[in-house]
Amino acid sequence: MNNYIFTSESVSDGHPDKVADQISDALVDAGLK
């Protein structure tokens, strides 16, 4: 969870919605595998 929080904060300067979605999707995929 720490990585998710850190990355979500770091992308807030750019396009938070799209990037956050991609990050969360990648994390979900990684967690399921």
PDB file of N, CA and C in Angstrom:
ATOM      1  N   MET A   1       0.838  -1.206   0.000  1.00  0.00           N
ATOM      2  CA  MET A   1       0.000   0.000   0.000  1.00  0.00           C
ATOM      3  C   MET A   1       0.871   1.253   0.000  1.00  0.00           C
ATOM      4  N   ASN A   2       2.041   1.177   0.604  1.00  0.00           N
ATOM      5  CA  ASN A   2       2.916   2.342   0.647  1.00  0.00           C
ATOM      6  C   ASN A   2       3.320   2.776  -0.757  1.00  0.00           C
ATOM      7  N   ASN A   3       3.611   1.808  -1.619  1.00  0.00           N
ATOM      8  CA  ASN A   3       3.988   2.132  -2.986  1.00  0.00           C
ATOM      9  C   ASN A   3       2.839   2.811  -3.716  1.00  0.00           C
ATOM     10  N   TYR A   4       1.617   2.335  -3.495  1.00  0.00           N
ATOM     11  CA  TYR A   4       0.454   2.907  -4.170  1.00  0.00           C
ATOM     12  C   TYR A   4       0.254   4.349  -3.737  1.00  0.00           C
ATOM     13  N   ILE A   5       0.355   4.604  -2.422  1.00  0.00           N
ATOM     14  CA  ILE A   5       0.160   5.957  -1.896  1.00  0.00           C
ATOM     15  C   ILE A   5       1.229   6.891  -2.458  1.00  0.00           C
ATOM     16  N   PHE A   6       2.475   6.422  -2.480  1.00  0.00           N
ATOM     17  CA  PHE A   6       3.586   7.248  -2.964  1.00  0.00           C
ATOM     18  C   PHE A   6       3.410   7.599  -4.430  1.00  0.00           C
ATOM     19  N   THR A   7       3.068   6.608  -5.240  1.00  0.00           N
ATOM     20  CA  THR A   7       2.933   6.839  -6.672  1.00  0.00           C
ATOM     21  C   THR A   7       1.732   7.736  -6.963  1.00  0.00           C
ATOM     22  N   SER A   8       0.642   7.552  -6.229  1.00  0.00           N
ATOM     23  CA  SER A   8      -0.548   8.356  -6.468  1.00  0.00           C
ATOM     24  C   SER A   8      -0.253   9.817  -6.153  1.00  0.00           C
ATOM     25  N   GLU A   9       0.612  10.056  -5.171  1.00  0.00           N
ATOM     26  CA  GLU A   9       0.972  11.426  -4.827  1.00  0.00           C
ATOM     27  C   GLU A   9       1.882  12.022  -5.890  1.00  0.00           C
ATOM     28  N   SER A  10       2.810  11.211  -6.416  1.00  0.00           N
ATOM     29  CA  SER A  10       3.805  11.706  -7.358  1.00  0.00           C
ATOM     30  C   SER A  10       3.182  12.036  -8.714  1.00  0.00           C
ATOM     31  N   VAL A  11       2.063  11.386  -9.060  1.00  0.00           N
ATOM     32  CA  VAL A  11       1.450  11.628 -10.366  1.00  0.00           C
ATOM     33  C   VAL A  11       0.396  12.732 -10.299  1.00  0.00           C
ATOM     34  N   SER A  12       0.148  13.269  -9.111  1.00  0.00           N
ATOM     35  CA  SER A  12      -0.899  14.279  -8.946  1.00  0.00           C
ATOM     36  C   SER A  12      -0.555  15.543  -9.736  1.00  0.00           C
ATOM     37  N   ASP A  13       0.733  15.734 -10.074  1.00  0.00           N
ATOM     38  CA  ASP A  13       1.134  16.907 -10.834  1.00  0.00           C
ATOM     39  C   ASP A  13       0.728  16.785 -12.300  1.00  0.00           C
ATOM     40  N   GLY A  14       0.630  15.558 -12.791  1.00  0.00           N
ATOM     41  CA  GLY A  14       0.322  15.359 -14.206  1.00  0.00           C
ATOM     42  C   GLY A  14      -1.150  15.118 -14.435  1.00  0.00           C
ATOM     43  N   HIS A  15      -1.511  13.918 -14.901  1.00  0.00           N
ATOM     44  CA  HIS A  15      -2.908  13.569 -15.138  1.00  0.00           C
ATOM     45  C   HIS A  15      -3.334  12.517 -14.117  1.00  0.00           C
ATOM     46  N   PRO A  16      -3.733  12.953 -12.926  1.00  0.00           N
ATOM     47  CA  PRO A  16      -3.991  12.031 -11.811  1.00  0.00           C
ATOM     48  C   PRO A  16      -5.012  10.948 -12.136  1.00  0.00           C
ATOM     49  N   ASP A  17      -6.086  11.319 -12.835  1.00  0.00           N
ATOM     50  CA  ASP A  17      -7.153  10.350 -13.096  1.00  0.00           C
ATOM     51  C   ASP A  17      -6.656   9.199 -13.967  1.00  0.00           C
ATOM     52  N   LYS A  18      -6.111   9.544 -15.136  1.00  0.00           N
ATOM     53  CA  LYS A  18      -5.688   8.505 -16.081  1.00  0.00           C
ATOM     54  C   LYS A  18      -4.520   7.701 -15.521  1.00  0.00           C
ATOM     55  N   VAL A  19      -3.528   8.398 -14.991  1.00  0.00           N
ATOM     56  CA  VAL A  19      -2.335   7.715 -14.479  1.00  0.00           C
ATOM     57  C   VAL A  19      -2.682   6.874 -13.267  1.00  0.00           C
ATOM     58  N   ALA A  20      -3.513   7.409 -12.380  1.00  0.00           N
ATOM     59  CA  ALA A  20      -3.906   6.666 -11.180  1.00  0.00           C
ATOM     60  C   ALA A  20      -4.647   5.400 -11.577  1.00  0.00           C
ATOM     61  N   ASP A  21      -5.487   5.504 -12.606  1.00  0.00           N
ATOM     62  CA  ASP A  21      -6.220   4.324 -13.080  1.00  0.00           C
ATOM     63  C   ASP A  21      -5.242   3.272 -13.594  1.00  0.00           C
ATOM     64  N   GLN A  22      -4.257   3.713 -14.380  1.00  0.00           N
ATOM     65  CA  GLN A  22      -3.282   2.772 -14.932  1.00  0.00           C
ATOM     66  C   GLN A  22      -2.475   2.124 -13.815  1.00  0.00           C
ATOM     67  N   ILE A  23      -2.083   2.928 -12.828  1.00  0.00           N
ATOM     68  CA  ILE A  23      -1.293   2.407 -11.708  1.00  0.00           C
ATOM     69  C   ILE A  23      -2.113   1.415 -10.902  1.00  0.00           C
ATOM     70  N   SER A  24      -3.341   1.794 -10.580  1.00  0.00           N
ATOM     71  CA  SER A  24      -4.188   0.902  -9.774  1.00  0.00           C
ATOM     72  C   SER A  24      -4.461  -0.390 -10.536  1.00  0.00           C
ATOM     73  N   ASP A  25      -4.680  -0.283 -11.844  1.00  0.00           N
ATOM     74  CA  ASP A  25      -4.912  -1.486 -12.654  1.00  0.00           C
ATOM     75  C   ASP A  25      -3.676  -2.383 -12.624  1.00  0.00           C
ATOM     76  N   ALA A  26      -2.500  -1.782 -12.770  1.00  0.00           N
ATOM     77  CA  ALA A  26      -1.257  -2.559 -12.771  1.00  0.00           C
ATOM     78  C   ALA A  26      -1.055  -3.233 -11.418  1.00  0.00           C
ATOM     79  N   LEU A  27      -1.360  -2.508 -10.340  1.00  0.00           N
ATOM     80  CA  LEU A  27      -1.192  -3.078  -9.003  1.00  0.00           C
ATOM     81  C   LEU A  27      -2.169  -4.220  -8.781  1.00  0.00           C
ATOM     82  N   VAL A  28      -3.391  -4.061  -9.255  1.00  0.00           N
ATOM     83  CA  VAL A  28      -4.387  -5.129  -9.114  1.00  0.00           C
ATOM     84  C   VAL A  28      -3.930  -6.362  -9.882  1.00  0.00           C
ATOM     85  N   ASP A  29      -3.427  -6.141 -11.102  1.00  0.00           N
ATOM     86  CA  ASP A  29      -2.930  -7.266 -11.905  1.00  0.00           C
ATOM     87  C   ASP A  29      -1.774  -7.954 -11.179  1.00  0.00           C
ATOM     88  N   ALA A  30      -0.844  -7.160 -10.645  1.00  0.00           N
ATOM     89  CA  ALA A  30       0.315  -7.722  -9.949  1.00  0.00           C
ATOM     90  C   ALA A  30      -0.133  -8.476  -8.703  1.00  0.00           C
ATOM     91  N   GLY A  31      -1.143  -7.952  -8.028  1.00  0.00           N
ATOM     92  CA  GLY A  31      -1.618  -8.594  -6.806  1.00  0.00           C
ATOM     93  C   GLY A  31      -2.324  -9.903  -7.088  1.00  0.00           C
ATOM     94  N   LEU A  32      -2.990  -9.989  -8.245  1.00  0.00           N
ATOM     95  CA  LEU A  32      -3.738 -11.196  -8.581  1.00  0.00           C
ATOM     96  C   LEU A  32      -2.824 -12.295  -9.109  1.00  0.00           C
ATOM     97  N   LYS A  33      -1.658 -11.929  -9.632  1.00  0.00           N
ATOM     98  CA  LYS A  33      -0.763 -12.924 -10.236  1.00  0.00           C
ATOM     99  C   LYS A  33       0.161 -13.558  -9.203  1.00  0.00           C
TER     100      LYS A  33
END
